[in-house]
């Protein structure tokens, strides 16, 4: 009979949950992320029971090849869950200061980093998710537990562990596409159409509560050599790119000049100077990239140059690191034990549960039919929600409306109206706005019977 010391015991080291409001929003339009913690837990439990939410339906998350090697080396296990995945460690149970705690059987060094690739599976993922359609850089999303801050949730005494970055602040000279989330002071705002940051008219920005959604601040992962996209219509003939380290020291400057408009400018940040015989390699890491076009004000981007993590056909990477120490986001406590335990009072303490939070995309809903609409087709009960556009003879929602799996009514004050909705979350970018096209027959009158 094996002794207790010979038994193999695994405990959860950490977990990653991917939460998406397109699937989780309630029928009254209430965001999942606005609900109290207990209500969110109940909703997720119910959806899991009825198999209504599976991350594997829209994202494929797998350990990288290097992570698979580390799993074998340190006796770690990876398991997918309905909400994402969990990683467990082989442990040795101990009593420490009256608590039942667990020490990894194989020491996990501070240099250990476990990376997981993310690929989109749903063909309409970009349409239903509030992320950039035309990013300024061809970067992947990068999510990590390193240097993150605990988020205070709605409801009493609950704190969550989102591994997305704080949203960026507005930059002069930058154009932001519809749906962009930016930090304004202590709050968050969403662009209601393509907006120039030099415009101070806040009518184009809607106030939101900051729920640590995925934003452009997370889209930073790049290879050392990449193409910077330049729009031909901007007629950019001069471009200057400056790479600086986190202490603002200039690492490399690249200038491009052309008699005709530049397009897809290649930027090489692999070596400090690749033209010399013994070039110095630029280390992988976090940098600031400053771009200046035609002598206009510089635009600044945070970038993470890492050739081994970047993949063109991936959405992004999750990087869970051991060198995050002495924080709620660290994997072990200060004594080297797993966070999961039963404390001296008999209360069970759970492992770190990291979250990636996707906001659903909002679009202007544009109705059309075989014959043109007339202004009189908008009846009095529809006036709070819709407007007739004479130039196109179409009817458009007055404000953007979220794309969801659940049919959510239009709202105006205490009034609600169920109107035809997009059959699929396909998009059309037209001018400064993003539209969902909805084709109906004339007898419908825009109202379901």
Protein backbone atom coordinates (compact mmCIF):
# COMPACT_ATOMS: atom_id res chain seq x y z
CA UNK A 1 0.00 0.00 0.00
CA UNK A 2 1.51 3.37 -0.97
CA UNK A 3 2.25 5.82 1.79
CA UNK A 4 0.74 9.30 1.92
CA UNK A 5 4.06 10.73 0.78
CA UNK A 6 3.90 8.66 -2.43
CA UNK A 7 0.44 9.86 -3.43
CA UNK A 8 0.33 12.29 -6.31
CA UNK A 9 -1.64 15.43 -5.45
CA UNK A 10 -2.44 18.31 -7.81
CA UNK A 11 -3.87 21.68 -6.87
CA UNK A 12 -4.91 24.62 -9.01
CA UNK A 13 -2.08 27.07 -9.54
CA UNK A 14 -4.12 29.64 -11.50
CA UNK A 15 -7.10 29.99 -13.81
CA UNK A 16 -7.93 32.28 -16.75
CA UNK A 17 -11.55 33.16 -17.56
CA UNK A 18 -12.52 34.86 -20.82
CA UNK A 19 -15.77 36.81 -20.46
CA UNK A 20 -17.60 38.31 -23.46
CA UNK A 21 -20.61 40.59 -23.16
CA UNK A 22 -21.94 39.58 -26.59
CA UNK A 23 -22.91 36.25 -25.02
CA UNK A 24 -23.36 37.30 -21.39
CA UNK A 25 -25.46 40.47 -21.65
CA UNK A 26 -28.96 40.07 -20.19
CA UNK A 27 -32.23 40.52 -22.07
CA UNK A 28 -32.78 43.94 -20.50
CA UNK A 29 -29.49 45.15 -21.97
CA UNK A 30 -27.63 45.11 -18.66
CA UNK A 31 -23.92 44.41 -19.09
CA UNK A 32 -22.60 41.31 -17.35
CA UNK A 33 -19.77 43.42 -15.95
CA UNK A 34 -22.19 45.82 -14.26
CA UNK A 35 -23.78 43.10 -12.14
CA UNK A 36 -22.87 42.38 -8.49
CA UNK A 37 -20.44 39.51 -8.02
CA UNK A 38 -23.01 37.10 -6.60
CA UNK A 39 -25.35 37.72 -9.54
CA UNK A 40 -22.52 37.17 -12.03
CA UNK A 41 -21.55 33.91 -10.33
CA UNK A 42 -25.17 32.72 -10.45
CA UNK A 43 -25.52 33.63 -14.13
CA UNK A 44 -22.31 31.83 -15.09
CA UNK A 45 -23.35 28.76 -13.11
CA UNK A 46 -26.72 28.68 -14.88
CA UNK A 47 -25.18 29.17 -18.33
CA UNK A 48 -22.64 26.44 -17.62
CA UNK A 49 -25.41 24.06 -16.54
CA UNK A 50 -27.37 24.72 -19.74
CA UNK A 51 -24.16 24.72 -21.87
CA UNK A 52 -24.92 28.24 -23.09
CA UNK A 53 -21.42 29.69 -22.77
CA UNK A 54 -18.29 27.96 -24.02
CA UNK A 55 -15.17 29.99 -24.78
CA UNK A 56 -14.11 27.18 -27.12
CA UNK A 57 -17.00 28.18 -29.40
CA UNK A 58 -15.29 31.43 -30.37
CA UNK A 59 -11.63 31.24 -29.25
CA UNK A 60 -8.95 28.57 -29.34
CA UNK A 61 -6.53 28.90 -26.42
CA UNK A 62 -3.57 26.52 -26.31
CA UNK A 63 -0.22 26.39 -24.49
CA UNK A 64 2.68 27.55 -26.65
CA UNK A 65 5.29 24.96 -27.61
CA UNK A 66 7.65 26.39 -24.97
CA UNK A 67 4.89 26.22 -22.35
CA UNK A 68 4.29 22.55 -23.16
CA UNK A 69 7.96 21.89 -22.42
CA UNK A 70 7.66 23.74 -19.11
CA UNK A 71 4.56 21.71 -18.18
CA UNK A 72 6.53 18.50 -18.61
CA UNK A 73 9.58 19.91 -16.82
CA UNK A 74 7.74 21.18 -13.74
CA UNK A 75 4.90 18.63 -13.66
CA UNK A 76 2.16 21.11 -14.45
CA UNK A 77 -1.15 20.23 -16.12
CA UNK A 78 -3.38 22.27 -18.45
CA UNK A 79 -7.14 21.76 -18.68
CA UNK A 80 -9.71 23.70 -20.67
CA UNK A 81 -12.86 24.92 -18.92
CA UNK A 82 -16.12 26.43 -20.16
CA UNK A 83 -14.75 29.88 -19.28
CA UNK A 84 -11.15 29.40 -20.41
CA UNK A 85 -8.55 27.15 -18.81
CA UNK A 86 -6.89 26.15 -15.56
CA UNK A 87 -3.31 25.13 -14.74
CA UNK A 88 -2.53 22.78 -11.88
CA UNK A 89 0.70 21.93 -10.09
CA UNK A 90 1.84 18.76 -8.38
CA UNK A 91 2.15 19.67 -4.70
CA UNK A 92 3.21 18.53 -1.26
CA UNK A 93 0.67 19.35 1.50
CA UNK A 94 1.98 21.00 4.64
CA UNK A 95 0.68 22.64 7.82
CA UNK A 96 1.96 26.21 8.11
CA UNK A 97 0.90 28.52 10.95
CA UNK A 98 -2.26 26.48 11.42
CA UNK A 99 -3.21 26.56 7.72
CA UNK A 100 -3.34 23.66 5.27
CA UNK A 101 -1.04 24.83 2.49
CA UNK A 102 0.60 23.34 -0.60
CA UNK A 103 4.19 23.57 -1.80
CA UNK A 104 4.99 22.85 -5.47
CA UNK A 105 6.76 19.49 -5.62
CA UNK A 106 9.10 20.97 -8.22
CA UNK A 107 10.35 24.47 -7.50
CA UNK A 108 8.97 27.06 -9.90
CA UNK A 109 11.73 29.61 -10.63
CA UNK A 110 11.13 33.34 -10.89
CA UNK A 111 12.20 33.14 -14.54
CA UNK A 112 9.30 30.82 -15.41
CA UNK A 113 6.81 32.22 -17.90
CA UNK A 114 3.84 30.22 -19.20
CA UNK A 115 2.46 31.50 -22.51
CA UNK A 116 -0.76 30.58 -24.27
CA UNK A 117 -1.76 31.43 -27.82
CA UNK A 118 -5.19 32.81 -28.73
CA UNK A 119 -6.79 32.26 -32.13
CA UNK A 120 -10.28 33.29 -33.22
CA UNK A 121 -12.67 30.50 -34.19
CA UNK A 122 -15.91 32.44 -34.73
CA UNK A 123 -15.91 34.00 -38.19
CA UNK A 124 -17.79 37.01 -36.82
CA UNK A 125 -15.58 37.53 -33.75
CA UNK A 126 -14.30 40.89 -34.99
CA UNK A 127 -17.83 42.04 -35.74
CA UNK A 128 -19.29 41.16 -32.37
CA UNK A 129 -16.30 42.35 -30.31
CA UNK A 130 -15.39 45.96 -29.58
CA UNK A 131 -11.79 45.82 -30.81
CA UNK A 132 -10.10 47.82 -33.56
CA UNK A 133 -10.95 47.12 -37.20
CA UNK A 134 -8.00 49.08 -38.64
CA UNK A 135 -5.24 49.10 -36.01
CA UNK A 136 -2.42 51.63 -36.26
CA UNK A 137 0.13 48.79 -35.91
CA UNK A 138 -0.11 45.12 -36.97
CA UNK A 139 0.16 44.06 -33.32
CA UNK A 140 -1.31 41.11 -31.40
CA UNK A 141 -2.98 41.43 -28.01
CA UNK A 142 -0.78 40.72 -25.01
CA UNK A 143 -2.32 39.80 -21.64
CA UNK A 144 -0.18 39.23 -18.56
CA UNK A 145 -0.41 39.11 -14.78
CA UNK A 146 2.75 41.23 -14.55
CA UNK A 147 2.34 44.72 -13.02
CA UNK A 148 -1.46 44.66 -12.97
CA UNK A 149 -3.78 46.24 -10.40
CA UNK A 150 -6.69 44.70 -8.53
CA UNK A 151 -10.08 45.93 -9.75
CA UNK A 152 -12.81 46.83 -7.24
CA UNK A 153 -16.08 45.36 -8.46
CA UNK A 154 -19.74 46.27 -8.08
CA UNK A 155 -21.03 44.87 -4.81
CA UNK A 156 -19.56 44.47 -1.32
CA UNK A 157 -15.89 43.68 -0.83
CA UNK A 158 -15.22 41.87 -4.10
CA UNK A 159 -12.02 42.41 -6.02
CA UNK A 160 -11.25 40.83 -9.39
CA UNK A 161 -8.00 40.21 -11.29
CA UNK A 162 -8.34 41.44 -14.91
CA UNK A 163 -5.12 40.99 -16.88
CA UNK A 164 -5.89 43.67 -19.46
CA UNK A 165 -4.15 47.04 -19.30
CA UNK A 166 -5.65 50.36 -18.31
CA UNK A 167 -7.10 52.14 -21.36
CA UNK A 168 -4.92 54.68 -23.16
CA UNK A 169 -5.30 58.44 -22.84
CA UNK A 170 -6.21 60.63 -25.80
CA UNK A 171 -3.30 61.77 -28.00
CA UNK A 172 -3.27 64.97 -30.03
CA UNK A 173 -3.15 64.26 -33.76
CA UNK A 174 -4.58 60.76 -33.44
CA UNK A 175 -7.75 59.61 -35.21
CA UNK A 176 -9.87 57.10 -33.27
CA UNK A 177 -12.32 54.80 -34.99
CA UNK A 178 -15.83 54.29 -33.73
CA UNK A 179 -15.90 52.09 -30.62
CA UNK A 180 -12.45 53.12 -29.35
CA UNK A 181 -12.28 53.13 -25.56
CA UNK A 182 -10.08 55.83 -24.01
CA UNK A 183 -9.39 57.06 -20.52
CA UNK A 184 -10.65 60.59 -19.88
CA UNK A 185 -9.54 61.72 -16.43
CA UNK A 186 -10.70 59.01 -14.03
CA UNK A 187 -13.42 57.78 -16.38
CA UNK A 188 -13.79 55.89 -19.64
CA UNK A 189 -15.34 57.09 -22.90
CA UNK A 190 -16.33 55.32 -26.11
CA UNK A 191 -16.10 57.00 -29.53
CA UNK A 192 -19.49 57.18 -31.27
CA UNK A 193 -17.88 57.67 -34.70
CA UNK A 194 -14.46 58.22 -36.28
CA UNK A 195 -13.09 61.09 -34.22
CA UNK A 196 -10.09 63.41 -34.38
CA UNK A 197 -8.46 63.71 -30.96
CA UNK A 198 -7.93 67.43 -31.63
CA UNK A 199 -11.70 67.89 -31.53
CA UNK A 200 -12.87 68.91 -28.06
CA UNK A 201 -16.54 68.19 -28.81
CA UNK A 202 -17.38 65.43 -26.33
CA UNK A 203 -20.70 64.76 -28.10
CA UNK A 204 -18.76 62.18 -30.08
CA UNK A 205 -17.72 60.37 -26.89
CA UNK A 206 -20.04 58.53 -24.51
CA UNK A 207 -19.28 58.09 -20.81
CA UNK A 208 -18.82 54.50 -19.63
CA UNK A 209 -17.92 52.89 -16.36
CA UNK A 210 -14.41 51.49 -16.49
CA UNK A 211 -14.67 47.71 -16.24
CA UNK A 212 -11.13 47.00 -17.47
CA UNK A 213 -12.26 45.90 -20.89
CA UNK A 214 -9.79 44.78 -23.55
CA UNK A 215 -8.68 47.93 -25.41
CA UNK A 216 -5.97 49.14 -27.78
CA UNK A 217 -3.70 49.40 -24.73
CA UNK A 218 -3.45 45.58 -24.86
CA UNK A 219 -2.57 45.47 -28.57
CA UNK A 220 1.21 45.81 -28.24
CA UNK A 221 2.87 42.53 -29.29
CA UNK A 222 5.02 42.88 -32.42
CA UNK A 223 7.93 41.12 -34.12
CA UNK A 224 11.15 43.17 -34.39
CA UNK A 225 10.60 43.59 -38.15
CA UNK A 226 7.11 44.64 -39.26
CA UNK A 227 5.29 46.80 -41.80
CA UNK A 228 3.83 50.08 -40.63
CA UNK A 229 0.58 50.66 -42.54
CA UNK A 230 0.27 54.05 -44.22
CA UNK A 231 -2.97 55.06 -45.91
CA UNK A 232 -2.31 56.12 -49.50
CA UNK A 233 -4.94 58.87 -49.33
CA UNK A 234 -2.96 60.58 -46.57
CA UNK A 235 -0.11 61.18 -49.05
CA UNK A 236 2.64 60.49 -46.51
CA UNK A 237 6.01 61.10 -48.15
CA UNK A 238 8.12 61.53 -44.98
CA UNK A 239 8.08 59.18 -42.01
CA UNK A 240 10.26 59.07 -38.91
CA UNK A 241 10.12 56.17 -36.42
CA UNK A 242 11.96 56.40 -33.10
CA UNK A 243 12.25 53.44 -30.70
CA UNK A 244 12.87 54.35 -27.05
CA UNK A 245 13.35 52.16 -23.99
CA UNK A 246 11.30 52.55 -20.81
CA UNK A 247 13.74 55.22 -19.59
CA UNK A 248 13.17 57.32 -22.76
CA UNK A 249 16.63 56.51 -24.15
CA UNK A 250 16.65 56.43 -27.96
CA UNK A 251 17.51 52.93 -29.21
CA UNK A 252 17.06 53.42 -32.94
CA UNK A 253 15.75 55.99 -35.42
CA UNK A 254 14.44 55.10 -38.87
CA UNK A 255 13.58 57.71 -41.50
CA UNK A 256 11.80 57.14 -44.80
CA UNK A 257 11.44 59.69 -47.61
CA UNK A 258 9.76 59.30 -50.98
CA UNK A 259 8.71 61.46 -53.91
CA UNK A 260 5.41 59.58 -53.98
CA UNK A 261 3.06 58.46 -51.21
CA UNK A 262 4.53 55.80 -48.91
CA UNK A 263 2.70 52.54 -48.29
CA UNK A 264 3.44 49.72 -45.80
CA UNK A 265 6.75 51.05 -44.57
CA UNK A 266 9.06 48.27 -43.33
CA UNK A 267 10.48 49.00 -39.86
CA UNK A 268 13.46 46.94 -38.70
CA UNK A 269 14.09 46.96 -34.96
CA UNK A 270 16.02 43.70 -34.86
CA UNK A 271 19.43 45.38 -34.73
CA UNK A 272 20.53 48.84 -33.63
CA UNK A 273 22.43 49.22 -36.92
CA UNK A 274 22.13 46.30 -39.33
CA UNK A 275 24.52 47.92 -41.85
CA UNK A 276 27.68 47.33 -39.80
CA UNK A 277 29.70 44.09 -39.62
CA UNK A 278 28.98 43.30 -35.98
CA UNK A 279 25.50 44.75 -35.26
CA UNK A 280 24.09 44.97 -31.73
CA UNK A 281 20.83 43.08 -31.29
CA UNK A 282 17.88 44.96 -29.76
CA UNK A 283 16.67 42.85 -26.80
CA UNK A 284 13.09 41.63 -26.60
CA UNK A 285 11.01 43.82 -24.31
CA UNK A 286 8.69 46.78 -23.81
CA UNK A 287 9.49 49.96 -25.75
CA UNK A 288 7.89 53.22 -26.83
CA UNK A 289 7.55 53.70 -30.59
CA UNK A 290 7.14 57.28 -31.77
CA UNK A 291 5.90 57.86 -35.31
CA UNK A 292 6.00 61.21 -37.09
CA UNK A 293 4.39 61.60 -40.52
CA UNK A 294 5.12 64.57 -42.82
CA UNK A 295 6.51 66.52 -39.88
CA UNK A 296 3.20 66.38 -37.97
CA UNK A 297 3.09 65.85 -34.17
CA UNK A 298 4.54 62.53 -32.99
CA UNK A 299 2.17 59.67 -32.24
CA UNK A 300 3.32 57.42 -29.40
CA UNK A 301 2.68 53.68 -29.04
CA UNK A 302 3.70 51.16 -26.39
CA UNK A 303 5.09 48.05 -28.10
CA UNK A 304 6.36 44.70 -26.88
CA UNK A 305 8.94 43.37 -29.35
CA UNK A 306 9.04 39.58 -29.12
CA UNK A 307 9.62 37.47 -32.21
CA UNK A 308 9.00 34.13 -30.49
CA UNK A 309 5.56 35.12 -29.14
CA UNK A 310 4.21 36.94 -32.18
CA UNK A 311 2.22 35.08 -34.83
CA UNK A 312 0.48 36.91 -37.66
CA UNK A 313 -2.59 34.66 -37.66
CA UNK A 314 -3.15 34.83 -33.89
CA UNK A 315 -5.32 37.24 -31.95
CA UNK A 316 -2.86 37.37 -29.08
CA UNK A 317 -0.96 35.77 -26.24
CA UNK A 318 -1.55 35.20 -22.54
CA UNK A 319 1.68 35.36 -20.52
CA UNK A 320 1.48 34.24 -16.89
CA UNK A 321 4.74 34.99 -15.10
CA UNK A 322 6.39 33.85 -11.89
CA UNK A 323 8.33 37.11 -11.50
CA UNK A 324 5.13 38.87 -10.41
CA UNK A 325 5.65 38.59 -6.65
CA UNK A 326 4.00 39.80 -3.46
CA UNK A 327 0.74 40.84 -5.10
CA UNK A 328 -2.77 39.40 -5.63
CA UNK A 329 -1.64 38.59 -9.22
CA UNK A 330 1.34 36.46 -8.10
CA UNK A 331 1.07 32.67 -8.32
CA UNK A 332 2.71 31.87 -4.98
CA UNK A 333 2.74 33.59 -1.61
CA UNK A 334 5.86 35.07 0.01
CA UNK A 335 6.71 31.67 1.54
CA UNK A 336 6.53 29.81 -1.78
CA UNK A 337 3.14 28.15 -1.21
CA UNK A 338 0.23 28.06 -3.66
CA UNK A 339 -2.45 30.67 -3.03
CA UNK A 340 -5.12 27.98 -2.69
CA UNK A 341 -5.37 26.72 0.91
CA UNK A 342 -7.54 26.23 3.96
CA UNK A 343 -6.64 28.89 6.51
CA UNK A 344 -6.35 28.48 10.27
CA UNK A 345 -10.03 29.37 10.68
CA UNK A 346 -11.08 26.59 8.31
CA UNK A 347 -11.96 28.91 5.43
CA UNK A 348 -10.99 27.83 1.91
CA UNK A 349 -8.93 30.38 -0.04
CA UNK A 350 -8.98 30.00 -3.81
CA UNK A 351 -6.23 30.21 -6.43
CA UNK A 352 -5.81 33.37 -8.57
CA UNK A 353 -8.55 33.65 -11.20
CA UNK A 354 -7.46 36.06 -13.95
CA UNK A 355 -10.01 37.59 -16.30
CA UNK A 356 -9.98 38.82 -19.91
CA UNK A 357 -13.04 40.98 -20.56
CA UNK A 358 -14.37 41.65 -24.04
CA UNK A 359 -16.98 44.33 -24.58
CA UNK A 360 -19.59 43.73 -27.28
CA UNK A 361 -19.47 46.01 -30.32
CA UNK A 362 -22.05 48.75 -30.83
CA UNK A 363 -23.15 49.83 -34.29
CA UNK A 364 -25.71 52.09 -35.91
CA UNK A 365 -28.56 49.88 -37.11
CA UNK A 366 -29.55 50.85 -40.66
CA UNK A 367 -32.82 49.59 -42.09
CA UNK A 368 -33.51 49.27 -45.81
CA UNK A 369 -36.02 47.57 -48.09
CA UNK A 370 -36.55 46.92 -51.79
CA UNK A 371 -38.29 50.28 -52.25
CA UNK A 372 -37.03 53.44 -50.59
CA UNK A 373 -38.29 54.46 -47.18
CA UNK A 374 -40.16 57.72 -46.77
CA UNK A 375 -39.93 60.06 -43.78
CA UNK A 376 -43.52 59.18 -42.87
CA UNK A 377 -42.59 55.54 -42.36
CA UNK A 378 -41.24 56.50 -38.94
CA UNK A 379 -44.35 56.51 -36.79
CA UNK A 380 -44.63 58.48 -33.55
CA UNK A 381 -43.79 55.44 -31.42
CA UNK A 382 -40.53 54.99 -33.38
CA UNK A 383 -39.38 58.61 -33.23
CA UNK A 384 -37.37 58.16 -29.99
CA UNK A 385 -35.24 55.48 -31.61
CA UNK A 386 -34.95 56.06 -35.36
CA UNK A 387 -34.23 58.82 -37.86
CA UNK A 388 -34.91 59.01 -41.61
CA UNK A 389 -31.85 59.75 -43.75
CA UNK A 390 -32.99 61.64 -46.89
CA UNK A 391 -29.73 61.13 -48.82
CA UNK A 392 -29.95 57.32 -48.72
CA UNK A 393 -33.71 56.92 -48.13
CA UNK A 394 -32.87 54.59 -45.26
CA UNK A 395 -33.83 54.57 -41.60
CA UNK A 396 -31.06 54.57 -38.97
CA UNK A 397 -30.95 54.19 -35.21
CA UNK A 398 -30.32 57.52 -33.48
CA UNK A 399 -27.53 56.05 -31.37
CA UNK A 400 -25.31 52.97 -31.58
CA UNK A 401 -26.82 49.76 -30.26
CA UNK A 402 -24.97 46.75 -28.91
CA UNK A 403 -24.74 43.52 -30.88
CA UNK A 404 -25.74 40.63 -28.66
CA UNK A 405 -26.85 37.02 -28.85
CA UNK A 406 -29.88 38.03 -26.76
CA UNK A 407 -32.52 40.28 -28.34
CA UNK A 408 -32.40 43.55 -26.38
CA UNK A 409 -35.09 46.22 -26.87
CA UNK A 410 -34.41 49.79 -27.93
CA UNK A 411 -34.85 52.10 -24.95
CA UNK A 412 -35.82 55.75 -24.55
CA UNK A 413 -36.51 56.77 -20.98
CA UNK A 414 -39.08 54.33 -19.60
CA UNK A 415 -40.16 53.25 -23.10
CA UNK A 416 -38.92 50.12 -24.83
CA UNK A 417 -39.39 48.88 -28.36
CA UNK A 418 -38.49 45.59 -30.01
CA UNK A 419 -37.29 46.28 -33.55
CA UNK A 420 -35.80 44.00 -36.23
CA UNK A 421 -32.22 43.16 -35.42
CA UNK A 422 -29.17 42.09 -37.49
CA UNK A 423 -29.41 38.41 -38.37
CA UNK A 424 -25.63 38.15 -38.17
CA UNK A 425 -23.24 40.69 -36.63
CA UNK A 426 -21.73 41.64 -40.00
CA UNK A 427 -20.48 45.21 -40.32
CA UNK A 428 -20.25 47.97 -42.89
CA UNK A 429 -17.92 50.92 -42.36
CA UNK A 430 -19.48 53.92 -44.09
CA UNK A 431 -17.90 57.34 -43.58
CA UNK A 432 -17.25 57.93 -39.91
CA UNK A 433 -19.64 55.29 -38.62
CA UNK A 434 -19.97 51.52 -38.39
CA UNK A 435 -23.35 50.11 -39.45
CA UNK A 436 -25.26 46.88 -39.19
CA UNK A 437 -27.41 46.52 -42.30
CA UNK A 438 -30.94 45.17 -41.76
CA UNK A 439 -33.12 44.26 -44.73
CA UNK A 440 -36.87 44.07 -44.14
CA UNK A 441 -40.00 43.81 -46.23
CA UNK A 442 -42.33 46.79 -46.53
CA UNK A 443 -45.21 45.18 -44.65
CA UNK A 444 -43.03 44.80 -41.59
CA UNK A 445 -43.20 48.51 -40.68
CA UNK A 446 -40.07 47.87 -38.57
CA UNK A 447 -42.11 46.31 -35.76
CA UNK A 448 -42.38 42.61 -34.98
CA UNK A 449 -45.89 41.34 -34.58
